[in-house]
Amino acid sequence: MSRIVTYSSAYTVVPTYECFNRCTYCNFRVDPQQSPWLELSDAQRLLKSLHGTGMIEILILSGEVHSQSSRRQAWFERIYNLCELALSLGFLPHTNAGPLSLEEMATLKTVNVSMGLMLEQLTPKLMQTVHRHAPSKVPECRLQQLQWAGELQIPFTTGLLLGIGETLDDCEETLQAIADIHRRWGHIQEVILQPHSPGTQQTWEGSAFSVHRLIEVVKIARQILPAEVVLQIPPNLVQEPAALLACLEAGARDLGGIGPRDEVNPDYPHPHHQQLSEILKPAGWQLVPRLPVYPQYDSWLQGRLQDAVKQWRSAINNPLTRN
């Protein structure tokens, strides 16, 4: 059994925190037109300051402007231009900006090495509770994104949000749907298992998802998902070393993006990768960096994206390239 655990050295850039959804567990959003959009000049200064810091992935993580809004096109262009900027400065962009149209996804494919969208949970009952005021959390809408990503050959990350009112059967249904889509298109790189962790900005009074239940879900996910789909757990939300190690023993193999700030869970700082190594090493695990695109998908990328990825693979001597 491989004893390698991966992580991505990632910095999150937020075009805007505004979002028309009102998920009651959210610690990220602000009301529409209450968050200034990130200017490209400011983003350029920020990204240039990251040179020499070891950052590889630039996660473009945005709140959502409604698809019918008069500001939607400008919002999308800002995201595209941020990806273009990150790529031009030598980084590898990965965008997660909520549901997109097929045309928007195809356009972003040209400036992203991978993309993502959390499926969260497929059960429709959450549309009556935590997603009652979140139109883009309609399960069919998000499932469509995974299908379009497969059709477009976009290396994709998705995941489950755990502890928002779903049952274990609901989790199994969502995992099975991801497995079915991947078996058709072969494009799901990773599935994140994200335990709900209460934050200071949310309005919902839900409690933290138990780490013991998380370990159980990891085991179930490893049984349902194809072997090549990597399971990711966020180490800042699994803070007990014993629980983190138990998740790895159960089948998780990736710790996601490690950077200065978790924008989705700002109350839970990321541990430094050296700190994680010190936890993993005594148990026989080796923590190694990876790129935001897995090696088996390099051929899906367009020319300049392939070139950028090739340079980074050489730079980090990623063990995954030797698989």
C-alpha atoms as a PDB file:
ATOM      1  CA  MET A   1       0.000   0.000   0.000  1.00  0.00           C
ATOM      2  CA  SER A   2       1.275   3.463  -0.916  1.00  0.00           C
ATOM      3  CA  ARG A   3       2.184   5.557   2.117  1.00  0.00           C
ATOM      4  CA  ILE A   4       2.273   8.824   0.167  1.00  0.00           C
ATOM      5  CA  VAL A   5      -0.058  11.686   1.071  1.00  0.00           C
ATOM      6  CA  THR A   6      -0.240  14.732  -1.177  1.00  0.00           C
ATOM      7  CA  TYR A   7      -1.090  18.397  -0.799  1.00  0.00           C
ATOM      8  CA  SER A   8      -1.189  21.434  -3.075  1.00  0.00           C
ATOM      9  CA  SER A   9       0.739  24.587  -2.225  1.00  0.00           C
ATOM     10  CA  ALA A  10      -2.112  26.961  -2.972  1.00  0.00           C
ATOM     11  CA  TYR A  11      -3.105  30.589  -2.578  1.00  0.00           C
ATOM     12  CA  THR A  12      -6.759  31.602  -2.785  1.00  0.00           C
ATOM     13  CA  VAL A  13      -7.717  34.672  -4.797  1.00  0.00           C
ATOM     14  CA  VAL A  14     -11.296  35.915  -4.323  1.00  0.00           C
ATOM     15  CA  PRO A  15     -12.763  38.008  -7.171  1.00  0.00           C
ATOM     16  CA  THR A  16     -15.731  38.884  -4.931  1.00  0.00           C
ATOM     17  CA  TYR A  17     -17.399  37.638  -1.775  1.00  0.00           C
ATOM     18  CA  GLU A  18     -20.835  38.704  -2.982  1.00  0.00           C
ATOM     19  CA  CYS A  19     -23.223  35.824  -3.578  1.00  0.00           C
ATOM     20  CA  PHE A  20     -26.916  35.616  -4.376  1.00  0.00           C
ATOM     21  CA  ASN A  21     -27.185  32.310  -2.490  1.00  0.00           C
ATOM     22  CA  ARG A  22     -27.855  32.430   1.222  1.00  0.00           C
ATOM     23  CA  CYS A  23     -26.735  29.064   2.584  1.00  0.00           C
ATOM     24  CA  THR A  24     -27.308  29.286   6.312  1.00  0.00           C
ATOM     25  CA  TYR A  25     -24.005  27.562   7.183  1.00  0.00           C
ATOM     26  CA  CYS A  26     -21.887  29.902   5.022  1.00  0.00           C
ATOM     27  CA  ASN A  27     -18.962  31.860   6.464  1.00  0.00           C
ATOM     28  CA  PHE A  28     -17.847  33.320   3.131  1.00  0.00           C
ATOM     29  CA  ARG A  29     -20.588  35.326   1.432  1.00  0.00           C
ATOM     30  CA  VAL A  30     -21.762  38.902   1.658  1.00  0.00           C
ATOM     31  CA  ASP A  31     -24.903  40.363   0.073  1.00  0.00           C
ATOM     32  CA  PRO A  32     -24.870  41.236  -3.636  1.00  0.00           C
ATOM     33  CA  GLN A  33     -23.089  44.508  -4.457  1.00  0.00           C
ATOM     34  CA  GLN A  34     -21.707  44.701  -0.901  1.00  0.00           C
ATOM     35  CA  SER A  35     -18.277  43.303  -1.813  1.00  0.00           C
ATOM     36  CA  PRO A  36     -15.949  45.255  -4.105  1.00  0.00           C
ATOM     37  CA  TRP A  37     -14.550  43.189  -6.938  1.00  0.00           C
ATOM     38  CA  LEU A  38     -10.840  42.504  -6.920  1.00  0.00           C
ATOM     39  CA  GLU A  39      -9.081  44.823  -9.362  1.00  0.00           C
ATOM     40  CA  LEU A  40      -6.611  43.252 -11.778  1.00  0.00           C
ATOM     41  CA  SER A  41      -3.909  45.728 -10.773  1.00  0.00           C
ATOM     42  CA  ASP A  42      -4.253  44.693  -7.133  1.00  0.00           C
ATOM     43  CA  ALA A  43      -4.261  41.026  -8.113  1.00  0.00           C
ATOM     44  CA  GLN A  44      -1.089  41.525 -10.130  1.00  0.00           C
ATOM     45  CA  ARG A  45       0.717  43.049  -7.152  1.00  0.00           C
ATOM     46  CA  LEU A  46      -0.517  40.244  -4.926  1.00  0.00           C
ATOM     47  CA  LEU A  47       0.510  37.467  -7.292  1.00  0.00           C
ATOM     48  CA  LYS A  48       3.935  38.964  -7.946  1.00  0.00           C
ATOM     49  CA  SER A  49       4.524  39.005  -4.193  1.00  0.00           C
ATOM     50  CA  LEU A  50       4.024  35.225  -4.167  1.00  0.00           C
ATOM     51  CA  HIS A  51       7.021  34.562  -6.399  1.00  0.00           C
ATOM     52  CA  GLY A  52       9.640  32.624  -4.478  1.00  0.00           C
ATOM     53  CA  THR A  53       7.212  31.533  -1.757  1.00  0.00           C
ATOM     54  CA  GLY A  54       6.649  28.036  -3.135  1.00  0.00           C
ATOM     55  CA  MET A  55       3.062  28.722  -4.174  1.00  0.00           C
ATOM     56  CA  ILE A  56       2.018  26.779  -7.264  1.00  0.00           C
ATOM     57  CA  GLU A  57      -1.777  26.729  -7.440  1.00  0.00           C
ATOM     58  CA  ILE A  58      -3.892  29.862  -7.588  1.00  0.00           C
ATOM     59  CA  LEU A  59      -7.414  28.945  -6.522  1.00  0.00           C
ATOM     60  CA  ILE A  60      -9.884  31.415  -8.007  1.00  0.00           C
ATOM     61  CA  LEU A  61     -12.742  31.096  -5.530  1.00  0.00           C
ATOM     62  CA  SER A  62     -15.697  33.394  -6.039  1.00  0.00           C
ATOM     63  CA  GLY A  63     -19.121  34.174  -4.728  1.00  0.00           C
ATOM     64  CA  GLU A  64     -21.811  33.868  -7.374  1.00  0.00           C
ATOM     65  CA  VAL A  65     -23.438  36.568  -9.481  1.00  0.00           C
ATOM     66  CA  HIS A  66     -26.821  35.345 -10.726  1.00  0.00           C
ATOM     67  CA  SER A  67     -26.808  33.942 -14.249  1.00  0.00           C
ATOM     68  CA  GLN A  68     -29.538  36.403 -15.263  1.00  0.00           C
ATOM     69  CA  SER A  69     -27.876  39.443 -13.727  1.00  0.00           C
ATOM     70  CA  SER A  70     -26.738  42.308 -15.968  1.00  0.00           C
ATOM     71  CA  ARG A  71     -23.395  42.040 -14.141  1.00  0.00           C
ATOM     72  CA  ARG A  72     -22.860  38.350 -14.913  1.00  0.00           C
ATOM     73  CA  GLN A  73     -20.725  38.905 -18.031  1.00  0.00           C
ATOM     74  CA  ALA A  74     -18.443  41.386 -16.281  1.00  0.00           C
ATOM     75  CA  TRP A  75     -18.100  38.990 -13.330  1.00  0.00           C
ATOM     76  CA  PHE A  76     -17.172  36.121 -15.629  1.00  0.00           C
ATOM     77  CA  GLU A  77     -14.663  38.266 -17.514  1.00  0.00           C
ATOM     78  CA  ARG A  78     -13.022  39.247 -14.213  1.00  0.00           C
ATOM     79  CA  ILE A  79     -12.603  35.571 -13.318  1.00  0.00           C
ATOM     80  CA  TYR A  80     -11.202  34.775 -16.771  1.00  0.00           C
ATOM     81  CA  ASN A  81      -8.754  37.681 -16.598  1.00  0.00           C
ATOM     82  CA  LEU A  82      -7.569  36.647 -13.137  1.00  0.00           C
ATOM     83  CA  CYS A  83      -6.872  33.140 -14.446  1.00  0.00           C
ATOM     84  CA  GLU A  84      -5.038  34.597 -17.437  1.00  0.00           C
ATOM     85  CA  LEU A  85      -2.996  36.811 -15.135  1.00  0.00           C
ATOM     86  CA  ALA A  86      -2.071  33.967 -12.791  1.00  0.00           C
ATOM     87  CA  LEU A  87      -1.038  31.811 -15.744  1.00  0.00           C
ATOM     88  CA  SER A  88       1.062  34.600 -17.272  1.00  0.00           C
ATOM     89  CA  LEU A  89       2.923  35.006 -13.975  1.00  0.00           C
ATOM     90  CA  GLY A  90       3.853  31.327 -13.837  1.00  0.00           C
ATOM     91  CA  PHE A  91       1.160  29.900 -11.569  1.00  0.00           C
ATOM     92  CA  LEU A  92      -1.369  27.143 -12.252  1.00  0.00           C
ATOM     93  CA  PRO A  93      -4.993  28.371 -12.003  1.00  0.00           C
ATOM     94  CA  HIS A  94      -7.872  26.287 -10.661  1.00  0.00           C
ATOM     95  CA  THR A  95     -11.335  27.888 -10.619  1.00  0.00           C
ATOM     96  CA  ASN A  96     -14.311  27.175  -8.360  1.00  0.00           C
ATOM     97  CA  ALA A  97     -16.951  29.834  -8.962  1.00  0.00           C
ATOM     98  CA  GLY A  98     -20.251  28.002  -8.615  1.00  0.00           C
ATOM     99  CA  PRO A  99     -22.371  26.626 -11.455  1.00  0.00           C
ATOM    100  CA  LEU A 100     -21.366  27.868 -14.886  1.00  0.00           C
ATOM    101  CA  SER A 101     -22.880  27.545 -18.333  1.00  0.00           C
ATOM    102  CA  LEU A 102     -21.394  25.067 -20.772  1.00  0.00           C
ATOM    103  CA  GLU A 103     -19.929  27.976 -22.736  1.00  0.00           C
ATOM    104  CA  GLU A 104     -18.410  29.548 -19.622  1.00  0.00           C
ATOM    105  CA  MET A 105     -16.814  26.244 -18.655  1.00  0.00           C
ATOM    106  CA  ALA A 106     -15.397  25.775 -22.148  1.00  0.00           C
ATOM    107  CA  THR A 107     -13.902  29.268 -22.048  1.00  0.00           C
ATOM    108  CA  LEU A 108     -12.341  28.809 -18.621  1.00  0.00           C
ATOM    109  CA  LYS A 109     -10.847  25.504 -19.730  1.00  0.00           C
ATOM    110  CA  THR A 110      -8.384  27.502 -21.836  1.00  0.00           C
ATOM    111  CA  VAL A 111      -6.892  29.225 -18.762  1.00  0.00           C
ATOM    112  CA  ASN A 112      -7.272  26.587 -16.026  1.00  0.00           C
ATOM    113  CA  VAL A 113      -5.392  23.346 -15.497  1.00  0.00           C
ATOM    114  CA  SER A 114      -8.376  22.034 -13.521  1.00  0.00           C
ATOM    115  CA  MET A 115     -11.673  23.224 -12.110  1.00  0.00           C
ATOM    116  CA  GLY A 116     -14.027  22.275  -9.309  1.00  0.00           C
ATOM    117  CA  LEU A 117     -17.465  22.464  -7.757  1.00  0.00           C
ATOM    118  CA  MET A 118     -18.709  20.847  -4.564  1.00  0.00           C
ATOM    119  CA  LEU A 119     -21.695  18.607  -5.216  1.00  0.00           C
ATOM    120  CA  GLU A 120     -22.375  18.824  -1.453  1.00  0.00           C
ATOM    121  CA  GLN A 121     -25.395  16.501  -1.194  1.00  0.00           C
ATOM    122  CA  LEU A 122     -27.920  15.324  -3.766  1.00  0.00           C
ATOM    123  CA  THR A 123     -30.855  14.925  -1.409  1.00  0.00           C
ATOM    124  CA  PRO A 124     -33.537  17.518  -2.332  1.00  0.00           C
ATOM    125  CA  LYS A 125     -34.698  17.872   1.270  1.00  0.00           C
ATOM    126  CA  LEU A 126     -31.871  20.343   1.976  1.00  0.00           C
ATOM    127  CA  MET A 127     -33.603  22.796  -0.380  1.00  0.00           C
ATOM    128  CA  GLN A 128     -36.192  23.124   2.406  1.00  0.00           C
ATOM    129  CA  THR A 129     -33.598  23.717   5.138  1.00  0.00           C
ATOM    130  CA  VAL A 130     -29.985  24.989   4.810  1.00  0.00           C
ATOM    131  CA  HIS A 131     -30.346  25.619   1.043  1.00  0.00           C
ATOM    132  CA  ARG A 132     -33.816  27.149   1.193  1.00  0.00           C
ATOM    133  CA  HIS A 133     -32.486  30.486  -0.083  1.00  0.00           C
ATOM    134  CA  ALA A 134     -29.772  29.073  -2.329  1.00  0.00           C
ATOM    135  CA  PRO A 135     -31.132  28.572  -5.864  1.00  0.00           C
ATOM    136  CA  SER A 136     -27.878  27.317  -7.354  1.00  0.00           C
ATOM    137  CA  LYS A 137     -27.710  24.491  -4.818  1.00  0.00           C
ATOM    138  CA  VAL A 138     -30.442  22.611  -6.703  1.00  0.00           C
ATOM    139  CA  PRO A 139     -28.884  19.120  -6.962  1.00  0.00           C
ATOM    140  CA  GLU A 140     -29.644  18.686 -10.671  1.00  0.00           C
ATOM    141  CA  CYS A 141     -27.879  21.960 -11.455  1.00  0.00           C
ATOM    142  CA  ARG A 142     -24.682  20.916  -9.733  1.00  0.00           C
ATOM    143  CA  LEU A 143     -24.791  17.401 -11.111  1.00  0.00           C
ATOM    144  CA  GLN A 144     -25.016  18.932 -14.576  1.00  0.00           C
ATOM    145  CA  GLN A 145     -21.672  20.674 -13.947  1.00  0.00           C
ATOM    146  CA  LEU A 146     -19.941  17.364 -13.355  1.00  0.00           C
ATOM    147  CA  GLN A 147     -21.403  15.984 -16.566  1.00  0.00           C
ATOM    148  CA  TRP A 148     -20.389  19.030 -18.621  1.00  0.00           C
ATOM    149  CA  ALA A 149     -16.887  18.897 -17.144  1.00  0.00           C
ATOM    150  CA  GLY A 150     -16.640  15.318 -18.345  1.00  0.00           C
ATOM    151  CA  GLU A 151     -17.874  16.194 -21.833  1.00  0.00           C
ATOM    152  CA  LEU A 152     -15.360  19.041 -22.019  1.00  0.00           C
ATOM    153  CA  GLN A 153     -12.501  16.909 -20.641  1.00  0.00           C
ATOM    154  CA  ILE A 154     -11.850  19.220 -17.703  1.00  0.00           C
ATOM    155  CA  PRO A 155      -9.925  17.605 -14.831  1.00  0.00           C
ATOM    156  CA  PHE A 156     -12.350  18.129 -11.987  1.00  0.00           C
ATOM    157  CA  THR A 157     -12.572  18.190  -8.204  1.00  0.00           C
ATOM    158  CA  THR A 158     -15.870  17.777  -6.402  1.00  0.00           C
ATOM    159  CA  GLY A 159     -16.935  16.756  -2.936  1.00  0.00           C
ATOM    160  CA  LEU A 160     -19.449  16.296  -0.157  1.00  0.00           C
ATOM    161  CA  LEU A 161     -20.303  18.682   2.644  1.00  0.00           C
ATOM    162  CA  LEU A 162     -20.998  16.572   5.712  1.00  0.00           C
ATOM    163  CA  GLY A 163     -23.219  17.389   8.654  1.00  0.00           C
ATOM    164  CA  ILE A 164     -25.750  19.767   7.043  1.00  0.00           C
ATOM    165  CA  GLY A 165     -28.801  17.575   7.563  1.00  0.00           C
ATOM    166  CA  GLU A 166     -28.082  14.575   5.357  1.00  0.00           C
ATOM    167  CA  THR A 167     -28.217  10.897   6.330  1.00  0.00           C
ATOM    168  CA  LEU A 168     -25.596   8.249   5.662  1.00  0.00           C
ATOM    169  CA  ASP A 169     -27.811   6.925   2.876  1.00  0.00           C
ATOM    170  CA  ASP A 170     -27.794  10.401   1.338  1.00  0.00           C
ATOM    171  CA  CYS A 171     -23.991  10.390   1.400  1.00  0.00           C
ATOM    172  CA  GLU A 172     -23.905   7.017  -0.306  1.00  0.00           C
ATOM    173  CA  GLU A 173     -26.291   8.262  -3.000  1.00  0.00           C
ATOM    174  CA  THR A 174     -24.111  11.303  -3.690  1.00  0.00           C
ATOM    175  CA  LEU A 175     -20.929   9.236  -3.797  1.00  0.00           C
ATOM    176  CA  GLN A 176     -22.562   6.747  -6.160  1.00  0.00           C
ATOM    177  CA  ALA A 177     -23.589   9.555  -8.506  1.00  0.00           C
ATOM    178  CA  ILE A 178     -19.999  10.835  -8.607  1.00  0.00           C
ATOM    179  CA  ALA A 179     -18.728   7.314  -9.254  1.00  0.00           C
ATOM    180  CA  ASP A 180     -21.196   6.801 -12.101  1.00  0.00           C
ATOM    181  CA  ILE A 181     -20.254  10.066 -13.795  1.00  0.00           C
ATOM    182  CA  HIS A 182     -16.554   9.348 -13.440  1.00  0.00           C
ATOM    183  CA  ARG A 183     -16.923   5.891 -14.931  1.00  0.00           C
ATOM    184  CA  ARG A 184     -18.459   7.498 -18.009  1.00  0.00           C
ATOM    185  CA  TRP A 185     -16.031  10.399 -18.469  1.00  0.00           C
ATOM    186  CA  GLY A 186     -12.975   9.566 -16.335  1.00  0.00           C
ATOM    187  CA  HIS A 187     -12.397  13.164 -15.239  1.00  0.00           C
ATOM    188  CA  ILE A 188     -12.890  13.275 -11.452  1.00  0.00           C
ATOM    189  CA  GLN A 189      -9.474  13.771  -9.868  1.00  0.00           C
ATOM    190  CA  GLU A 190     -10.515  14.134  -6.256  1.00  0.00           C
ATOM    191  CA  VAL A 191     -13.504  13.985  -3.975  1.00  0.00           C
ATOM    192  CA  ILE A 192     -13.333  16.223  -0.914  1.00  0.00           C
ATOM    193  CA  LEU A 193     -15.004  15.054   2.273  1.00  0.00           C
ATOM    194  CA  GLN A 194     -15.571  18.320   4.129  1.00  0.00           C
ATOM    195  CA  PRO A 195     -16.986  18.136   7.653  1.00  0.00           C
ATOM    196  CA  HIS A 196     -19.202  21.046   8.636  1.00  0.00           C
ATOM    197  CA  SER A 197     -17.242  23.159  11.098  1.00  0.00           C
ATOM    198  CA  PRO A 198     -19.200  25.994  12.748  1.00  0.00           C
ATOM    199  CA  GLY A 199     -17.966  29.499  12.024  1.00  0.00           C
ATOM    200  CA  THR A 200     -18.613  32.928  13.443  1.00  0.00           C
ATOM    201  CA  GLN A 201     -20.521  34.279  10.415  1.00  0.00           C
ATOM    202  CA  GLN A 202     -23.085  31.530   9.851  1.00  0.00           C
ATOM    203  CA  THR A 203     -26.723  31.837  10.891  1.00  0.00           C
ATOM    204  CA  TRP A 204     -27.409  28.100  11.162  1.00  0.00           C
ATOM    205  CA  GLU A 205     -26.872  26.576  14.587  1.00  0.00           C
ATOM    206  CA  GLY A 206     -25.712  23.179  13.357  1.00  0.00           C
ATOM    207  CA  SER A 207     -22.931  21.474  15.296  1.00  0.00           C
ATOM    208  CA  ALA A 208     -19.592  20.236  14.020  1.00  0.00           C
ATOM    209  CA  PHE A 209     -19.558  16.964  12.107  1.00  0.00           C
ATOM    210  CA  SER A 210     -18.071  14.235  14.279  1.00  0.00           C
ATOM    211  CA  VAL A 211     -14.587  13.063  13.300  1.00  0.00           C
ATOM    212  CA  HIS A 212     -15.666   9.513  14.067  1.00  0.00           C
ATOM    213  CA  ARG A 213     -18.469   9.807  11.523  1.00  0.00           C
ATOM    214  CA  LEU A 214     -15.987  11.343   9.082  1.00  0.00           C
ATOM    215  CA  ILE A 215     -13.765   8.275   9.352  1.00  0.00           C
ATOM    216  CA  GLU A 216     -16.794   6.109   8.601  1.00  0.00           C
ATOM    217  CA  VAL A 217     -17.643   8.188   5.527  1.00  0.00           C
ATOM    218  CA  VAL A 218     -14.047   7.927   4.303  1.00  0.00           C
ATOM    219  CA  LYS A 219     -14.297   4.141   4.478  1.00  0.00           C
ATOM    220  CA  ILE A 220     -17.608   4.120   2.615  1.00  0.00           C
ATOM    221  CA  ALA A 221     -16.341   6.539  -0.023  1.00  0.00           C
ATOM    222  CA  ARG A 222     -13.283   4.406  -0.649  1.00  0.00           C
ATOM    223  CA  GLN A 223     -15.554   1.415  -1.274  1.00  0.00           C
ATOM    224  CA  ILE A 224     -17.897   3.284  -3.648  1.00  0.00           C
ATOM    225  CA  LEU A 225     -15.518   5.444  -5.692  1.00  0.00           C
ATOM    226  CA  PRO A 226     -13.187   4.044  -8.361  1.00  0.00           C
ATOM    227  CA  ALA A 227      -9.658   3.474  -7.058  1.00  0.00           C
ATOM    228  CA  GLU A 228      -8.118   6.249  -9.179  1.00  0.00           C
ATOM    229  CA  VAL A 229     -10.341   8.926  -7.630  1.00  0.00           C
ATOM    230  CA  VAL A 230      -8.375  10.399  -4.733  1.00  0.00           C
ATOM    231  CA  LEU A 231     -10.088  11.158  -1.427  1.00  0.00           C
ATOM    232  CA  GLN A 232      -9.226  14.506   0.122  1.00  0.00           C
ATOM    233  CA  ILE A 233      -9.761  15.657   3.688  1.00  0.00           C
ATOM    234  CA  PRO A 234      -9.015  19.211   4.930  1.00  0.00           C
ATOM    235  CA  PRO A 235      -6.515  18.990   7.814  1.00  0.00           C
ATOM    236  CA  ASN A 236      -7.582  22.327   9.311  1.00  0.00           C
ATOM    237  CA  LEU A 237     -11.030  20.806   9.913  1.00  0.00           C
ATOM    238  CA  VAL A 238      -9.628  17.540  11.310  1.00  0.00           C
ATOM    239  CA  GLN A 239      -7.415  18.943  14.009  1.00  0.00           C
ATOM    240  CA  GLU A 240      -6.883  15.844  16.144  1.00  0.00           C
ATOM    241  CA  PRO A 241      -3.727  14.082  14.871  1.00  0.00           C
ATOM    242  CA  ALA A 242      -5.178  10.662  15.695  1.00  0.00           C
ATOM    243  CA  ALA A 243      -8.317  11.414  13.662  1.00  0.00           C
ATOM    244  CA  LEU A 244      -6.262  12.690  10.729  1.00  0.00           C
ATOM    245  CA  LEU A 245      -4.192   9.500  10.738  1.00  0.00           C
ATOM    246  CA  ALA A 246      -7.338   7.387  11.031  1.00  0.00           C
ATOM    247  CA  CYS A 247      -8.767   9.085   7.920  1.00  0.00           C
ATOM    248  CA  LEU A 248      -5.595   8.189   6.027  1.00  0.00           C
ATOM    249  CA  GLU A 249      -5.738   4.596   7.188  1.00  0.00           C
ATOM    250  CA  ALA A 250      -9.368   4.525   6.016  1.00  0.00           C
ATOM    251  CA  GLY A 251      -8.390   5.574   2.496  1.00  0.00           C
ATOM    252  CA  ALA A 252      -7.866   9.353   2.251  1.00  0.00           C
ATOM    253  CA  ARG A 253      -4.677  10.293   0.369  1.00  0.00           C
ATOM    254  CA  ASP A 254      -4.750  14.065  -0.096  1.00  0.00           C
ATOM    255  CA  LEU A 255      -4.886  17.090   2.217  1.00  0.00           C
ATOM    256  CA  GLY A 256      -5.959  19.656  -0.362  1.00  0.00           C
ATOM    257  CA  GLY A 257      -4.696  23.168  -0.797  1.00  0.00           C
ATOM    258  CA  ILE A 258      -2.451  24.417   2.008  1.00  0.00           C
ATOM    259  CA  GLY A 259      -2.084  28.184   2.115  1.00  0.00           C
ATOM    260  CA  PRO A 260      -2.269  31.259   4.343  1.00  0.00           C
ATOM    261  CA  ARG A 261      -6.077  31.287   4.703  1.00  0.00           C
ATOM    262  CA  ASP A 262      -9.060  29.012   4.208  1.00  0.00           C
ATOM    263  CA  GLU A 263     -11.550  31.458   2.744  1.00  0.00           C
ATOM    264  CA  VAL A 264     -14.485  29.047   3.124  1.00  0.00           C
ATOM    265  CA  ASN A 265     -13.650  28.277   6.761  1.00  0.00           C
ATOM    266  CA  PRO A 266     -11.807  31.418   7.922  1.00  0.00           C
ATOM    267  CA  ASP A 267     -12.081  30.435  11.584  1.00  0.00           C
ATOM    268  CA  TYR A 268      -9.873  27.389  10.947  1.00  0.00           C
ATOM    269  CA  PRO A 269      -6.327  28.298   9.819  1.00  0.00           C
ATOM    270  CA  HIS A 270      -4.418  25.834   7.674  1.00  0.00           C
ATOM    271  CA  PRO A 271      -1.543  24.065   9.406  1.00  0.00           C
ATOM    272  CA  HIS A 272       1.862  24.499   7.784  1.00  0.00           C
ATOM    273  CA  HIS A 273       2.933  21.569   5.624  1.00  0.00           C
ATOM    274  CA  GLN A 274       5.974  21.021   7.859  1.00  0.00           C
ATOM    275  CA  GLN A 275       3.672  20.661  10.861  1.00  0.00           C
ATOM    276  CA  LEU A 276       1.639  18.088   8.951  1.00  0.00           C
ATOM    277  CA  SER A 277       4.785  16.190   7.991  1.00  0.00           C
ATOM    278  CA  GLU A 278       5.722  15.919  11.654  1.00  0.00           C
ATOM    279  CA  ILE A 279       2.329  14.361  12.384  1.00  0.00           C
ATOM    280  CA  LEU A 280       2.427  11.933   9.464  1.00  0.00           C
ATOM    281  CA  LYS A 281       6.035  10.783   9.451  1.00  0.00           C
ATOM    282  CA  PRO A 282       6.013   8.754  12.692  1.00  0.00           C
ATOM    283  CA  ALA A 283       3.049   6.791  11.309  1.00  0.00           C
ATOM    284  CA  GLY A 284       4.953   5.998   8.124  1.00  0.00           C
ATOM    285  CA  TRP A 285       3.302   8.544   5.825  1.00  0.00           C
ATOM    286  CA  GLN A 286       5.285  10.762   3.463  1.00  0.00           C
ATOM    287  CA  LEU A 287       3.797  14.160   2.648  1.00  0.00           C
ATOM    288  CA  VAL A 288       4.670  15.364  -0.862  1.00  0.00           C
ATOM    289  CA  PRO A 289       3.533  18.344  -2.959  1.00  0.00           C
ATOM    290  CA  ARG A 290       1.371  17.900  -6.041  1.00  0.00           C
ATOM    291  CA  LEU A 291       0.036  20.089  -8.801  1.00  0.00           C
ATOM    292  CA  PRO A 292      -3.650  21.035  -9.140  1.00  0.00           C
ATOM    293  CA  VAL A 293      -3.844  18.701 -12.143  1.00  0.00           C
ATOM    294  CA  TYR A 294      -2.992  15.009 -11.834  1.00  0.00           C
ATOM    295  CA  PRO A 295      -0.494  13.500 -14.300  1.00  0.00           C
ATOM    296  CA  GLN A 296      -3.019  11.308 -16.110  1.00  0.00           C
ATOM    297  CA  TYR A 297      -4.817  14.451 -17.315  1.00  0.00           C
ATOM    298  CA  ASP A 298      -1.843  16.366 -18.727  1.00  0.00           C
ATOM    299  CA  SER A 299      -2.743  15.339 -22.272  1.00  0.00           C
ATOM    300  CA  TRP A 300      -6.164  17.004 -21.887  1.00  0.00           C
ATOM    301  CA  LEU A 301      -4.564  20.417 -21.493  1.00  0.00           C
ATOM    302  CA  GLN A 302      -3.988  22.896 -24.279  1.00  0.00           C
ATOM    303  CA  GLY A 303      -0.463  23.818 -25.342  1.00  0.00           C
ATOM    304  CA  ARG A 304       0.599  26.572 -22.958  1.00  0.00           C
ATOM    305  CA  LEU A 305      -1.133  24.874 -20.035  1.00  0.00           C
ATOM    306  CA  GLN A 306       0.765  21.682 -20.814  1.00  0.00           C
ATOM    307  CA  ASP A 307       4.029  23.635 -20.956  1.00  0.00           C
ATOM    308  CA  ALA A 308       3.386  25.305 -17.601  1.00  0.00           C
ATOM    309  CA  VAL A 309       2.503  21.997 -15.964  1.00  0.00           C
ATOM    310  CA  LYS A 310       5.583  20.300 -17.412  1.00  0.00           C
ATOM    311  CA  GLN A 311       7.827  22.973 -15.909  1.00  0.00           C
ATOM    312  CA  TRP A 312       6.235  22.633 -12.482  1.00  0.00           C
ATOM    313  CA  ARG A 313       6.432  18.830 -12.539  1.00  0.00           C
ATOM    314  CA  SER A 314      10.124  19.090 -13.187  1.00  0.00           C
ATOM    315  CA  ALA A 315      10.506  21.692 -10.442  1.00  0.00           C
ATOM    316  CA  ILE A 316       8.872  19.685  -7.660  1.00  0.00           C
ATOM    317  CA  ASN A 317       9.931  16.228  -8.876  1.00  0.00           C
ATOM    318  CA  ASN A 318       6.423  15.043  -8.031  1.00  0.00           C
ATOM    319  CA  PRO A 319       6.369  11.320  -7.085  1.00  0.00           C
ATOM    320  CA  LEU A 320       2.969  11.036  -8.776  1.00  0.00           C
ATOM    321  CA  THR A 321       4.710  11.332 -12.167  1.00  0.00           C
ATOM    322  CA  ARG A 322       6.413   8.034 -11.495  1.00  0.00           C
ATOM    323  CA  ASN A 323       3.179   6.091 -11.028  1.00  0.00           C
END
